[in-house]
PDB file of N, CA and C in Angstrom:
ATOM      1  N   MET A   1       5.466 -12.190  86.802  1.00  0.00           N
ATOM      2  CA  MET A   1       5.571 -11.013  87.656  1.00  0.00           C
ATOM      3  C   MET A   1       5.548 -11.458  89.103  1.00  0.00           C
ATOM      4  N   VAL A   2       6.310 -10.818  89.944  1.00  0.00           N
ATOM      5  CA  VAL A   2       6.415 -11.159  91.360  1.00  0.00           C
ATOM      6  C   VAL A   2       6.134  -9.916  92.175  1.00  0.00           C
ATOM      7  N   GLY A   3       5.340 -10.056  93.242  1.00  0.00           N
ATOM      8  CA  GLY A   3       5.060  -8.943  94.135  1.00  0.00           C
ATOM      9  C   GLY A   3       5.977  -9.001  95.334  1.00  0.00           C
ATOM     10  N   ALA A   4       6.165  -7.880  96.001  1.00  0.00           N
ATOM     11  CA  ALA A   4       7.025  -7.838  97.186  1.00  0.00           C
ATOM     12  C   ALA A   4       6.323  -7.068  98.287  1.00  0.00           C
ATOM     13  N   LEU A   5       6.444  -7.564  99.514  1.00  0.00           N
ATOM     14  CA  LEU A   5       5.908  -6.871 100.675  1.00  0.00           C
ATOM     15  C   LEU A   5       7.076  -6.448 101.540  1.00  0.00           C
ATOM     16  N   MET A   6       7.121  -5.190 101.911  1.00  0.00           N
ATOM     17  CA  MET A   6       8.225  -4.709 102.743  1.00  0.00           C
ATOM     18  C   MET A   6       7.658  -3.854 103.859  1.00  0.00           C
ATOM     19  N   GLY A   7       8.335  -3.851 104.994  1.00  0.00           N
ATOM     20  CA  GLY A   7       7.945  -2.998 106.108  1.00  0.00           C
ATOM     21  C   GLY A   7       8.475  -1.603 105.918  1.00  0.00           C
ATOM     22  N   ALA A   8       8.057  -0.921 104.899  1.00  0.00           N
ATOM     23  CA  ALA A   8       8.521   0.433 104.597  1.00  0.00           C
ATOM     24  C   ALA A   8       7.295   1.308 104.371  1.00  0.00           C
ATOM     25  N   PRO A   9       7.456   2.626 104.245  1.00  0.00           N
ATOM     26  CA  PRO A   9       6.302   3.502 104.080  1.00  0.00           C
ATOM     27  C   PRO A   9       5.372   3.100 102.952  1.00  0.00           C
ATOM     28  N   SER A  10       5.910   2.531 101.871  1.00  0.00           N
ATOM     29  CA  SER A  10       5.037   2.125 100.768  1.00  0.00           C
ATOM     30  C   SER A  10       4.106   0.997 101.177  1.00  0.00           C
ATOM     31  N   SER A  11       4.428   0.304 102.262  1.00  0.00           N
ATOM     32  CA  SER A  11       3.586  -0.791 102.730  1.00  0.00           C
ATOM     33  C   SER A  11       2.251  -0.291 103.257  1.00  0.00           C
ATOM     34  N   ALA A  12       2.231   0.918 103.796  1.00  0.00           N
ATOM     35  CA  ALA A  12       0.992   1.450 104.335  1.00  0.00           C
ATOM     36  C   ALA A  12      -0.080   1.511 103.254  1.00  0.00           C
ATOM     37  N   ALA A  13       0.309   1.878 102.053  1.00  0.00           N
ATOM     38  CA  ALA A  13      -0.642   1.941 100.951  1.00  0.00           C
ATOM     39  C   ALA A  13      -1.160   0.563 100.582  1.00  0.00           C
ATOM     40  N   ALA A  14      -0.374  -0.466 100.851  1.00  0.00           N
ATOM     41  CA  ALA A  14      -0.780  -1.837 100.543  1.00  0.00           C
ATOM     42  C   ALA A  14      -1.558  -2.472 101.689  1.00  0.00           C
ATOM     43  N   GLY A  15      -1.783  -1.722 102.780  1.00  0.00           N
ATOM     44  CA  GLY A  15      -2.555  -2.256 103.885  1.00  0.00           C
ATOM     45  C   GLY A  15      -1.742  -3.025 104.904  1.00  0.00           C
ATOM     46  N   ILE A  16      -0.437  -2.878 104.890  1.00  0.00           N
ATOM     47  CA  ILE A  16       0.424  -3.570 105.846  1.00  0.00           C
ATOM     48  C   ILE A  16       0.799  -2.593 106.944  1.00  0.00           C
ATOM     49  N   PRO A  17       0.504  -2.926 108.200  1.00  0.00           N
ATOM     50  CA  PRO A  17       0.869  -1.999 109.279  1.00  0.00           C
ATOM     51  C   PRO A  17       2.378  -1.793 109.313  1.00  0.00           C
ATOM     52  N   LEU A  18       2.801  -0.562 109.486  1.00  0.00           N
ATOM     53  CA  LEU A  18       4.236  -0.276 109.495  1.00  0.00           C
ATOM     54  C   LEU A  18       4.926  -0.853 110.719  1.00  0.00           C
ATOM     55  N   ASP A  19       4.180  -1.082 111.798  1.00  0.00           N
ATOM     56  CA  ASP A  19       4.818  -1.546 113.019  1.00  0.00           C
ATOM     57  C   ASP A  19       4.849  -3.068 113.142  1.00  0.00           C
ATOM     58  N   PHE A  20       4.260  -3.815 112.198  1.00  0.00           N
ATOM     59  CA  PHE A  20       4.257  -5.271 112.376  1.00  0.00           C
ATOM     60  C   PHE A  20       5.661  -5.828 112.294  1.00  0.00           C
ATOM     61  N   GLN A  21       6.538  -5.207 111.548  1.00  0.00           N
ATOM     62  CA  GLN A  21       7.926  -5.649 111.476  1.00  0.00           C
ATOM     63  C   GLN A  21       8.615  -5.430 112.818  1.00  0.00           C
ATOM     64  N   LEU A  22       8.256  -4.351 113.503  1.00  0.00           N
ATOM     65  CA  LEU A  22       8.887  -4.036 114.778  1.00  0.00           C
ATOM     66  C   LEU A  22       8.502  -5.046 115.845  1.00  0.00           C
ATOM     67  N   GLU A  23       7.271  -5.553 115.772  1.00  0.00           N
ATOM     68  CA  GLU A  23       6.823  -6.549 116.738  1.00  0.00           C
ATOM     69  C   GLU A  23       7.592  -7.844 116.563  1.00  0.00           C
ATOM     70  N   ALA A  24       8.028  -8.136 115.357  1.00  0.00           N
ATOM     71  CA  ALA A  24       8.745  -9.374 115.064  1.00  0.00           C
ATOM     72  C   ALA A  24      10.240  -9.106 115.022  1.00  0.00           C
ATOM     73  N   LYS A  25      10.883  -9.037 116.158  1.00  0.00           N
ATOM     74  CA  LYS A  25      12.335  -8.915 116.304  1.00  0.00           C
ATOM     75  C   LYS A  25      12.898  -7.565 115.888  1.00  0.00           C
ATOM     76  N   ARG A  26      12.065  -6.578 115.652  1.00  0.00           N
ATOM     77  CA  ARG A  26      12.527  -5.235 115.296  1.00  0.00           C
ATOM     78  C   ARG A  26      13.444  -5.229 114.074  1.00  0.00           C
ATOM     79  N   GLU A  27      13.145  -6.063 113.122  1.00  0.00           N
ATOM     80  CA  GLU A  27      13.920  -6.107 111.882  1.00  0.00           C
ATOM     81  C   GLU A  27      12.979  -5.874 110.709  1.00  0.00           C
ATOM     82  N   MET A  28      13.502  -5.298 109.655  1.00  0.00           N
ATOM     83  CA  MET A  28      12.709  -5.150 108.453  1.00  0.00           C
ATOM     84  C   MET A  28      12.862  -6.416 107.639  1.00  0.00           C
ATOM     85  N   GLY A  29      11.749  -6.959 107.196  1.00  0.00           N
ATOM     86  CA  GLY A  29      11.808  -8.173 106.408  1.00  0.00           C
ATOM     87  C   GLY A  29      11.251  -7.938 105.026  1.00  0.00           C
ATOM     88  N   ILE A  30      11.486  -8.884 104.169  1.00  0.00           N
ATOM     89  CA  ILE A  30      10.942  -8.827 102.814  1.00  0.00           C
ATOM     90  C   ILE A  30      10.412 -10.215 102.483  1.00  0.00           C
ATOM     91  N   LEU A  31       9.294 -10.231 101.797  1.00  0.00           N
ATOM     92  CA  LEU A  31       8.675 -11.480 101.405  1.00  0.00           C
ATOM     93  C   LEU A  31       8.325 -11.377  99.928  1.00  0.00           C
ATOM     94  N   ILE A  32       8.920 -12.208  99.110  1.00  0.00           N
ATOM     95  CA  ILE A  32       8.647 -12.212  97.675  1.00  0.00           C
ATOM     96  C   ILE A  32       7.549 -13.244  97.424  1.00  0.00           C
ATOM     97  N   LEU A  33       6.484 -12.807  96.775  1.00  0.00           N
ATOM     98  CA  LEU A  33       5.340 -13.677  96.561  1.00  0.00           C
ATOM     99  C   LEU A  33       5.060 -13.881  95.077  1.00  0.00           C
ATOM    100  N   PRO A  34       4.654 -15.094  94.705  1.00  0.00           N
ATOM    101  CA  PRO A  34       4.171 -15.284  93.333  1.00  0.00           C
ATOM    102  C   PRO A  34       2.928 -14.410  93.127  1.00  0.00           C
ATOM    103  N   GLU A  35       2.719 -14.003  91.907  1.00  0.00           N
ATOM    104  CA  GLU A  35       1.611 -13.100  91.586  1.00  0.00           C
ATOM    105  C   GLU A  35       0.264 -13.658  92.032  1.00  0.00           C
ATOM    106  N   GLU A  36       0.030 -14.942  91.809  1.00  0.00           N
ATOM    107  CA  GLU A  36      -1.257 -15.540  92.182  1.00  0.00           C
ATOM    108  C   GLU A  36      -1.470 -15.490  93.693  1.00  0.00           C
ATOM    109  N   THR A  37      -0.428 -15.742  94.471  1.00  0.00           N
ATOM    110  CA  THR A  37      -0.534 -15.709  95.924  1.00  0.00           C
ATOM    111  C   THR A  37      -0.907 -14.318  96.397  1.00  0.00           C
ATOM    112  N   GLU A  38      -0.243 -13.330  95.860  1.00  0.00           N
ATOM    113  CA  GLU A  38      -0.542 -11.952  96.251  1.00  0.00           C
ATOM    114  C   GLU A  38      -1.963 -11.565  95.824  1.00  0.00           C
ATOM    115  N   ARG A  39      -2.366 -11.984  94.628  1.00  0.00           N
ATOM    116  CA  ARG A  39      -3.719 -11.665  94.145  1.00  0.00           C
ATOM    117  C   ARG A  39      -4.770 -12.280  95.061  1.00  0.00           C
ATOM    118  N   LEU A  40      -4.588 -13.550  95.428  1.00  0.00           N
ATOM    119  CA  LEU A  40      -5.541 -14.217  96.312  1.00  0.00           C
ATOM    120  C   LEU A  40      -5.601 -13.536  97.676  1.00  0.00           C
ATOM    121  N   ALA A  41      -4.445 -13.187  98.208  1.00  0.00           N
ATOM    122  CA  ALA A  41      -4.402 -12.521  99.512  1.00  0.00           C
ATOM    123  C   ALA A  41      -5.107 -11.171  99.453  1.00  0.00           C
ATOM    124  N   ARG A  42      -4.886 -10.430  98.377  1.00  0.00           N
ATOM    125  CA  ARG A  42      -5.542  -9.119  98.238  1.00  0.00           C
ATOM    126  C   ARG A  42      -7.056  -9.275  98.109  1.00  0.00           C
ATOM    127  N   GLU A  43      -7.518 -10.309  97.399  1.00  0.00           N
ATOM    128  CA  GLU A  43      -8.961 -10.552  97.284  1.00  0.00           C
ATOM    129  C   GLU A  43      -9.571 -10.835  98.656  1.00  0.00           C
ATOM    130  N   ILE A  44      -8.880 -11.670  99.443  1.00  0.00           N
ATOM    131  CA  ILE A  44      -9.377 -11.988 100.786  1.00  0.00           C
ATOM    132  C   ILE A  44      -9.366 -10.734 101.656  1.00  0.00           C
ATOM    133  N   ALA A  45      -8.292  -9.950 101.571  1.00  0.00           N
ATOM    134  CA  ALA A  45      -8.192  -8.722 102.361  1.00  0.00           C
ATOM    135  C   ALA A  45      -9.318  -7.756 101.988  1.00  0.00           C
ATOM    136  N   ASP A  46      -9.651  -7.675 100.709  1.00  0.00           N
ATOM    137  CA  ASP A  46     -10.732  -6.781 100.268  1.00  0.00           C
ATOM    138  C   ASP A  46     -12.073  -7.219 100.856  1.00  0.00           C
ATOM    139  N   VAL A  47     -12.311  -8.529 100.881  1.00  0.00           N
ATOM    140  CA  VAL A  47     -13.586  -9.054 101.380  1.00  0.00           C
ATOM    141  C   VAL A  47     -13.673  -8.931 102.905  1.00  0.00           C
ATOM    142  N   THR A  48     -12.580  -9.228 103.613  1.00  0.00           N
ATOM    143  CA  THR A  48     -12.613  -9.269 105.077  1.00  0.00           C
ATOM    144  C   THR A  48     -12.263  -7.954 105.744  1.00  0.00           C
ATOM    145  N   GLY A  49     -11.591  -7.058 105.019  1.00  0.00           N
ATOM    146  CA  GLY A  49     -11.139  -5.810 105.622  1.00  0.00           C
ATOM    147  C   GLY A  49      -9.858  -5.976 106.437  1.00  0.00           C
ATOM    148  N   GLU A  50      -9.247  -7.139 106.367  1.00  0.00           N
ATOM    149  CA  GLU A  50      -7.994  -7.397 107.084  1.00  0.00           C
ATOM    150  C   GLU A  50      -6.823  -6.844 106.280  1.00  0.00           C
ATOM    151  N   SER A  51      -5.706  -6.629 106.969  1.00  0.00           N
ATOM    152  CA  SER A  51      -4.481  -6.257 106.262  1.00  0.00           C
ATOM    153  C   SER A  51      -3.916  -7.517 105.610  1.00  0.00           C
ATOM    154  N   LEU A  52      -2.988  -7.330 104.674  1.00  0.00           N
ATOM    155  CA  LEU A  52      -2.359  -8.495 104.046  1.00  0.00           C
ATOM    156  C   LEU A  52      -1.627  -9.343 105.087  1.00  0.00           C
ATOM    157  N   PHE A  53      -0.966  -8.696 106.032  1.00  0.00           N
ATOM    158  CA  PHE A  53      -0.282  -9.432 107.093  1.00  0.00           C
ATOM    159  C   PHE A  53      -1.265 -10.313 107.845  1.00  0.00           C
ATOM    160  N   GLU A  54      -2.438  -9.759 108.194  1.00  0.00           N
ATOM    161  CA  GLU A  54      -3.453 -10.546 108.917  1.00  0.00           C
ATOM    162  C   GLU A  54      -3.962 -11.706 108.076  1.00  0.00           C
ATOM    163  N   VAL A  55      -4.118 -11.488 106.776  1.00  0.00           N
ATOM    164  CA  VAL A  55      -4.572 -12.561 105.887  1.00  0.00           C
ATOM    165  C   VAL A  55      -3.567 -13.704 105.874  1.00  0.00           C
ATOM    166  N   TYR A  56      -2.282 -13.384 105.694  1.00  0.00           N
ATOM    167  CA  TYR A  56      -1.249 -14.424 105.675  1.00  0.00           C
ATOM    168  C   TYR A  56      -1.168 -15.133 107.025  1.00  0.00           C
ATOM    169  N   HIS A  57      -1.201 -14.356 108.097  1.00  0.00           N
ATOM    170  CA  HIS A  57      -1.109 -14.943 109.438  1.00  0.00           C
ATOM    171  C   HIS A  57      -2.274 -15.900 109.688  1.00  0.00           C
ATOM    172  N   GLN A  58      -3.490 -15.463 109.382  1.00  0.00           N
ATOM    173  CA  GLN A  58      -4.670 -16.298 109.618  1.00  0.00           C
ATOM    174  C   GLN A  58      -4.612 -17.571 108.779  1.00  0.00           C
ATOM    175  N   ALA A  59      -4.140 -17.465 107.547  1.00  0.00           N
ATOM    176  CA  ALA A  59      -4.018 -18.657 106.697  1.00  0.00           C
ATOM    177  C   ALA A  59      -3.062 -19.667 107.320  1.00  0.00           C
ATOM    178  N   LEU A  60      -1.953 -19.192 107.869  1.00  0.00           N
ATOM    179  CA  LEU A  60      -0.987 -20.095 108.503  1.00  0.00           C
ATOM    180  C   LEU A  60      -1.554 -20.714 109.772  1.00  0.00           C
ATOM    181  N   VAL A  61      -2.262 -19.921 110.573  1.00  0.00           N
ATOM    182  CA  VAL A  61      -2.874 -20.450 111.801  1.00  0.00           C
ATOM    183  C   VAL A  61      -3.890 -21.540 111.446  1.00  0.00           C
ATOM    184  N   GLU A  62      -4.742 -21.274 110.466  1.00  0.00           N
ATOM    185  CA  GLU A  62      -5.761 -22.251 110.071  1.00  0.00           C
ATOM    186  C   GLU A  62      -5.129 -23.522 109.521  1.00  0.00           C
ATOM    187  N   ARG A  63      -4.062 -23.391 108.753  1.00  0.00           N
ATOM    188  CA  ARG A  63      -3.399 -24.576 108.213  1.00  0.00           C
ATOM    189  C   ARG A  63      -2.755 -25.393 109.327  1.00  0.00           C
ATOM    190  N   LYS A  64      -2.154 -24.713 110.290  1.00  0.00           N
ATOM    191  CA  LYS A  64      -1.538 -25.423 111.413  1.00  0.00           C
ATOM    192  C   LYS A  64      -2.592 -26.229 112.172  1.00  0.00           C
ATOM    193  N   VAL A  65      -3.766 -25.650 112.386  1.00  0.00           N
ATOM    194  CA  VAL A  65      -4.848 -26.364 113.068  1.00  0.00           C
ATOM    195  C   VAL A  65      -5.255 -27.592 112.269  1.00  0.00           C
ATOM    196  N   ARG A  66      -5.398 -27.424 110.946  1.00  0.00           N
ATOM    197  CA  ARG A  66      -5.784 -28.566 110.099  1.00  0.00           C
ATOM    198  C   ARG A  66      -4.749 -29.675 110.164  1.00  0.00           C
ATOM    199  N   LEU A  67      -3.460 -29.304 110.087  1.00  0.00           N
ATOM    200  CA  LEU A  67      -2.401 -30.306 110.108  1.00  0.00           C
ATOM    201  C   LEU A  67      -2.295 -31.003 111.458  1.00  0.00           C
ATOM    202  N   SER A  68      -2.585 -30.297 112.524  1.00  0.00           N
ATOM    203  CA  SER A  68      -2.488 -30.891 113.861  1.00  0.00           C
ATOM    204  C   SER A  68      -3.657 -31.820 114.141  1.00  0.00           C
ATOM    205  N   GLY A  69      -4.752 -31.652 113.400  1.00  0.00           N
ATOM    206  CA  GLY A  69      -5.930 -32.486 113.639  1.00  0.00           C
ATOM    207  C   GLY A  69      -6.811 -31.956 114.748  1.00  0.00           C
ATOM    208  N   ALA A  70      -6.508 -30.772 115.272  1.00  0.00           N
ATOM    209  CA  ALA A  70      -7.282 -30.211 116.375  1.00  0.00           C
ATOM    210  C   ALA A  70      -8.728 -29.916 115.987  1.00  0.00           C
ATOM    211  N   ASP A  71      -8.990 -29.768 114.694  1.00  0.00           N
ATOM    212  CA  ASP A  71     -10.344 -29.461 114.242  1.00  0.00           C
ATOM    213  C   ASP A  71     -11.142 -30.711 113.887  1.00  0.00           C
ATOM    214  N   LEU A  72     -10.586 -31.898 114.137  1.00  0.00           N
ATOM    215  CA  LEU A  72     -11.243 -33.152 113.793  1.00  0.00           C
ATOM    216  C   LEU A  72     -12.055 -33.688 114.966  1.00  0.00           C
ATOM    217  N   THR A  73     -13.130 -34.402 114.643  1.00  0.00           N
ATOM    218  CA  THR A  73     -13.890 -35.086 115.693  1.00  0.00           C
ATOM    219  C   THR A  73     -13.077 -36.285 116.171  1.00  0.00           C
ATOM    220  N   ALA A  74     -13.489 -36.877 117.266  1.00  0.00           N
ATOM    221  CA  ALA A  74     -12.786 -38.047 117.806  1.00  0.00           C
ATOM    222  C   ALA A  74     -12.779 -39.183 116.783  1.00  0.00           C
ATOM    223  N   GLU A  75     -13.894 -39.348 116.064  1.00  0.00           N
ATOM    224  CA  GLU A  75     -13.978 -40.404 115.057  1.00  0.00           C
ATOM    225  C   GLU A  75     -13.025 -40.147 113.896  1.00  0.00           C
ATOM    226  N   GLU A  76     -12.938 -38.874 113.478  1.00  0.00           N
ATOM    227  CA  GLU A  76     -12.022 -38.522 112.388  1.00  0.00           C
ATOM    228  C   GLU A  76     -10.570 -38.713 112.807  1.00  0.00           C
ATOM    229  N   GLN A  77     -10.250 -38.369 114.061  1.00  0.00           N
ATOM    230  CA  GLN A  77      -8.891 -38.576 114.554  1.00  0.00           C
ATOM    231  C   GLN A  77      -8.559 -40.063 114.593  1.00  0.00           C
ATOM    232  N   GLU A  78      -9.508 -40.880 115.033  1.00  0.00           N
ATOM    233  CA  GLU A  78      -9.286 -42.322 115.082  1.00  0.00           C
ATOM    234  C   GLU A  78      -9.111 -42.880 113.673  1.00  0.00           C
ATOM    235  N   ALA A  79      -9.894 -42.401 112.717  1.00  0.00           N
ATOM    236  CA  ALA A  79      -9.761 -42.850 111.331  1.00  0.00           C
ATOM    237  C   ALA A  79      -8.408 -42.452 110.768  1.00  0.00           C
ATOM    238  N   ARG A  80      -7.937 -41.267 111.114  1.00  0.00           N
ATOM    239  CA  ARG A  80      -6.629 -40.808 110.657  1.00  0.00           C
ATOM    240  C   ARG A  80      -5.529 -41.708 111.218  1.00  0.00           C
ATOM    241  N   LYS A  81      -5.636 -42.079 112.488  1.00  0.00           N
ATOM    242  CA  LYS A  81      -4.651 -42.978 113.098  1.00  0.00           C
ATOM    243  C   LYS A  81      -4.663 -44.345 112.423  1.00  0.00           C
ATOM    244  N   ARG A  82      -5.864 -44.885 112.193  1.00  0.00           N
ATOM    245  CA  ARG A  82      -5.961 -46.201 111.537  1.00  0.00           C
ATOM    246  C   ARG A  82      -5.344 -46.159 110.143  1.00  0.00           C
ATOM    247  N   ALA A  83      -5.589 -45.094 109.410  1.00  0.00           N
ATOM    248  CA  ALA A  83      -5.024 -44.963 108.066  1.00  0.00           C
ATOM    249  C   ALA A  83      -3.505 -44.879 108.135  1.00  0.00           C
ATOM    250  N   PHE A  84      -2.975 -44.150 109.116  1.00  0.00           N
ATOM    251  CA  PHE A  84      -1.529 -44.047 109.273  1.00  0.00           C
ATOM    252  C   PHE A  84      -0.923 -45.421 109.527  1.00  0.00           C
ATOM    253  N   PHE A  85      -1.505 -46.168 110.457  1.00  0.00           N
ATOM    254  CA  PHE A  85      -0.945 -47.477 110.788  1.00  0.00           C
ATOM    255  C   PHE A  85      -1.138 -48.475 109.643  1.00  0.00           C
ATOM    256  N   ALA A  86      -2.190 -48.311 108.857  1.00  0.00           N
ATOM    257  CA  ALA A  86      -2.366 -49.172 107.683  1.00  0.00           C
ATOM    258  C   ALA A  86      -1.260 -48.908 106.666  1.00  0.00           C
ATOM    259  N   ARG A  87      -0.916 -47.636 106.459  1.00  0.00           N
ATOM    260  CA  ARG A  87       0.192 -47.307 105.552  1.00  0.00           C
ATOM    261  C   ARG A  87       1.507 -47.844 106.104  1.00  0.00           C
ATOM    262  N   LEU A  88       1.683 -47.756 107.402  1.00  0.00           N
ATOM    263  CA  LEU A  88       2.892 -48.261 108.037  1.00  0.00           C
ATOM    264  C   LEU A  88       2.994 -49.776 107.877  1.00  0.00           C
ATOM    265  N   ASP A  89       1.893 -50.478 108.093  1.00  0.00           N
ATOM    266  CA  ASP A  89       1.878 -51.941 107.951  1.00  0.00           C
ATOM    267  C   ASP A  89       2.108 -52.380 106.507  1.00  0.00           C
ATOM    268  N   ALA A  90       1.745 -51.541 105.547  1.00  0.00           N
ATOM    269  CA  ALA A  90       1.890 -51.901 104.134  1.00  0.00           C
ATOM    270  C   ALA A  90       3.329 -51.760 103.644  1.00  0.00           C
ATOM    271  N   ARG A  91       4.172 -51.120 104.417  1.00  0.00           N
ATOM    272  CA  ARG A  91       5.580 -50.953 104.012  1.00  0.00           C
ATOM    273  C   ARG A  91       6.288 -52.296 104.018  1.00  0.00           C
ATOM    274  N   PRO A  92       7.244 -52.474 103.128  1.00  0.00           N
ATOM    275  CA  PRO A  92       7.980 -53.742 103.100  1.00  0.00           C
ATOM    276  C   PRO A  92       8.748 -53.956 104.401  1.00  0.00           C
ATOM    277  N   ARG A  93       8.765 -55.175 104.829  1.00  0.00           N
ATOM    278  CA  ARG A  93       9.479 -55.512 106.062  1.00  0.00           C
ATOM    279  C   ARG A  93      10.842 -56.096 105.723  1.00  0.00           C
ATOM    280  N   THR A  94      11.757 -55.952 106.639  1.00  0.00           N
ATOM    281  CA  THR A  94      13.090 -56.504 106.443  1.00  0.00           C
ATOM    282  C   THR A  94      13.053 -58.018 106.631  1.00  0.00           C
ATOM    283  N   GLN A  95      13.934 -58.694 105.950  1.00  0.00           N
ATOM    284  CA  GLN A  95      14.025 -60.147 106.088  1.00  0.00           C
ATOM    285  C   GLN A  95      15.056 -60.538 107.131  1.00  0.00           C
ATOM    286  N   ASP A  96      15.623 -59.554 107.802  1.00  0.00           N
ATOM    287  CA  ASP A  96      16.642 -59.799 108.819  1.00  0.00           C
ATOM    288  C   ASP A  96      15.989 -60.441 110.052  1.00  0.00           C
ATOM    289  N   PRO A  97      16.446 -61.618 110.463  1.00  0.00           N
ATOM    290  CA  PRO A  97      15.817 -62.294 111.606  1.00  0.00           C
ATOM    291  C   PRO A  97      16.223 -61.703 112.957  1.00  0.00           C
ATOM    292  N   ARG A  98      17.229 -60.811 112.970  1.00  0.00           N
ATOM    293  CA  ARG A  98      17.682 -60.246 114.235  1.00  0.00           C
ATOM    294  C   ARG A  98      16.659 -59.275 114.819  1.00  0.00           C
ATOM    295  N   SER A  99      16.682 -59.129 116.144  1.00  0.00           N
ATOM    296  CA  SER A  99      15.826 -58.142 116.792  1.00  0.00           C
ATOM    297  C   SER A  99      16.405 -56.750 116.535  1.00  0.00           C
ATOM    298  N   LEU A 100      15.594 -55.744 116.754  1.00  0.00           N
ATOM    299  CA  LEU A 100      16.088 -54.381 116.570  1.00  0.00           C
ATOM    300  C   LEU A 100      17.260 -54.106 117.501  1.00  0.00           C
ATOM    301  N   ARG A 101      17.228 -54.631 118.709  1.00  0.00           N
ATOM    302  CA  ARG A 101      18.324 -54.446 119.661  1.00  0.00           C
ATOM    303  C   ARG A 101      19.615 -55.046 119.110  1.00  0.00           C
ATOM    304  N   GLU A 102      19.527 -56.252 118.531  1.00  0.00           N
ATOM    305  CA  GLU A 102      20.720 -56.901 117.972  1.00  0.00           C
ATOM    306  C   GLU A 102      21.279 -56.104 116.795  1.00  0.00           C
ATOM    307  N   ILE A 103      20.390 -55.649 115.926  1.00  0.00           N
ATOM    308  CA  ILE A 103      20.835 -54.852 114.777  1.00  0.00           C
ATOM    309  C   ILE A 103      21.530 -53.588 115.267  1.00  0.00           C
ATOM    310  N   GLU A 104      20.924 -52.928 116.232  1.00  0.00           N
ATOM    311  CA  GLU A 104      21.510 -51.699 116.781  1.00  0.00           C
ATOM    312  C   GLU A 104      22.892 -51.974 117.356  1.00  0.00           C
ATOM    313  N   GLU A 105      23.001 -53.006 118.173  1.00  0.00           N
ATOM    314  CA  GLU A 105      24.277 -53.297 118.818  1.00  0.00           C
ATOM    315  C   GLU A 105      25.362 -53.687 117.813  1.00  0.00           C
ATOM    316  N   GLU A 106      24.994 -54.436 116.782  1.00  0.00           N
ATOM    317  CA  GLU A 106      25.977 -54.914 115.817  1.00  0.00           C
ATOM    318  C   GLU A 106      26.359 -53.875 114.772  1.00  0.00           C
ATOM    319  N   GLU A 107      25.432 -53.004 114.397  1.00  0.00           N
ATOM    320  CA  GLU A 107      25.695 -52.082 113.295  1.00  0.00           C
ATOM    321  C   GLU A 107      26.006 -50.656 113.729  1.00  0.00           C
ATOM    322  N   LEU A 108      25.672 -50.302 114.959  1.00  0.00           N
ATOM    323  CA  LEU A 108      25.900 -48.932 115.397  1.00  0.00           C
ATOM    324  C   LEU A 108      27.074 -48.790 116.360  1.00  0.00           C
ATOM    325  N   TYR A 109      27.494 -49.925 116.960  1.00  0.00           N
ATOM    326  CA  TYR A 109      28.543 -49.848 117.969  1.00  0.00           C
ATOM    327  C   TYR A 109      29.652 -50.855 117.663  1.00  0.00           C
ATOM    328  N   ASP A 110      30.886 -50.489 118.029  1.00  0.00           N
ATOM    329  CA  ASP A 110      32.012 -51.406 117.823  1.00  0.00           C
ATOM    330  C   ASP A 110      32.087 -52.407 118.976  1.00  0.00           C
ATOM    331  N   GLU A 111      33.137 -53.245 118.952  1.00  0.00           N
ATOM    332  CA  GLU A 111      33.263 -54.286 119.963  1.00  0.00           C
ATOM    333  C   GLU A 111      33.498 -53.726 121.367  1.00  0.00           C
ATOM    334  N   TYR A 112      33.816 -52.431 121.475  1.00  0.00           N
ATOM    335  CA  TYR A 112      34.028 -51.804 122.789  1.00  0.00           C
ATOM    336  C   TYR A 112      32.810 -51.006 123.240  1.00  0.00           C
ATOM    337  N   GLY A 113      31.720 -51.088 122.479  1.00  0.00           N
ATOM    338  CA  GLY A 113      30.497 -50.369 122.843  1.00  0.00           C
ATOM    339  C   GLY A 113      30.501 -48.912 122.462  1.00  0.00           C
ATOM    340  N   GLN A 114      31.456 -48.497 121.633  1.00  0.00           N
ATOM    341  CA  GLN A 114      31.547 -47.100 121.194  1.00  0.00           C
ATOM    342  C   GLN A 114      30.811 -46.938 119.856  1.00  0.00           C
ATOM    343  N   PRO A 115      30.170 -45.802 119.664  1.00  0.00           N
ATOM    344  CA  PRO A 115      29.476 -45.579 118.389  1.00  0.00           C
ATOM    345  C   PRO A 115      30.449 -45.666 117.201  1.00  0.00           C
ATOM    346  N   ILE A 116      29.985 -46.295 116.140  1.00  0.00           N
ATOM    347  CA  ILE A 116      30.788 -46.398 114.918  1.00  0.00           C
ATOM    348  C   ILE A 116      30.595 -45.105 114.141  1.00  0.00           C
ATOM    349  N   GLY A 117      31.655 -44.577 113.607  1.00  0.00           N
ATOM    350  CA  GLY A 117      31.502 -43.404 112.764  1.00  0.00           C
ATOM    351  C   GLY A 117      32.370 -42.331 113.117  1.00  0.00           C
TER     352      GLY A 117
END
């Protein structure tokens, strides 16, 4: 089963403000959600008193903060950087003895300095 959220009068009964669609480019949108996603959002909305739109929006804002690392301490950010560079260093290296500049010049440009392709 799939649930649907629409900016129409029936949305008011579902706790979605009728004007939120108007704030976002003045277009009516539709969002098809898996049943579990809608159930979880409704549970959160029931506990917090937020509309479904607010629940989805807040979830996206919180995830963006987590992905950006803005909620990490300086030590956690440094550990994340070290882990990234460790993964980068573990990648196989090319056996090509040429410098990156030489590879670029030989493989990306013709004898007249024009891009190949």
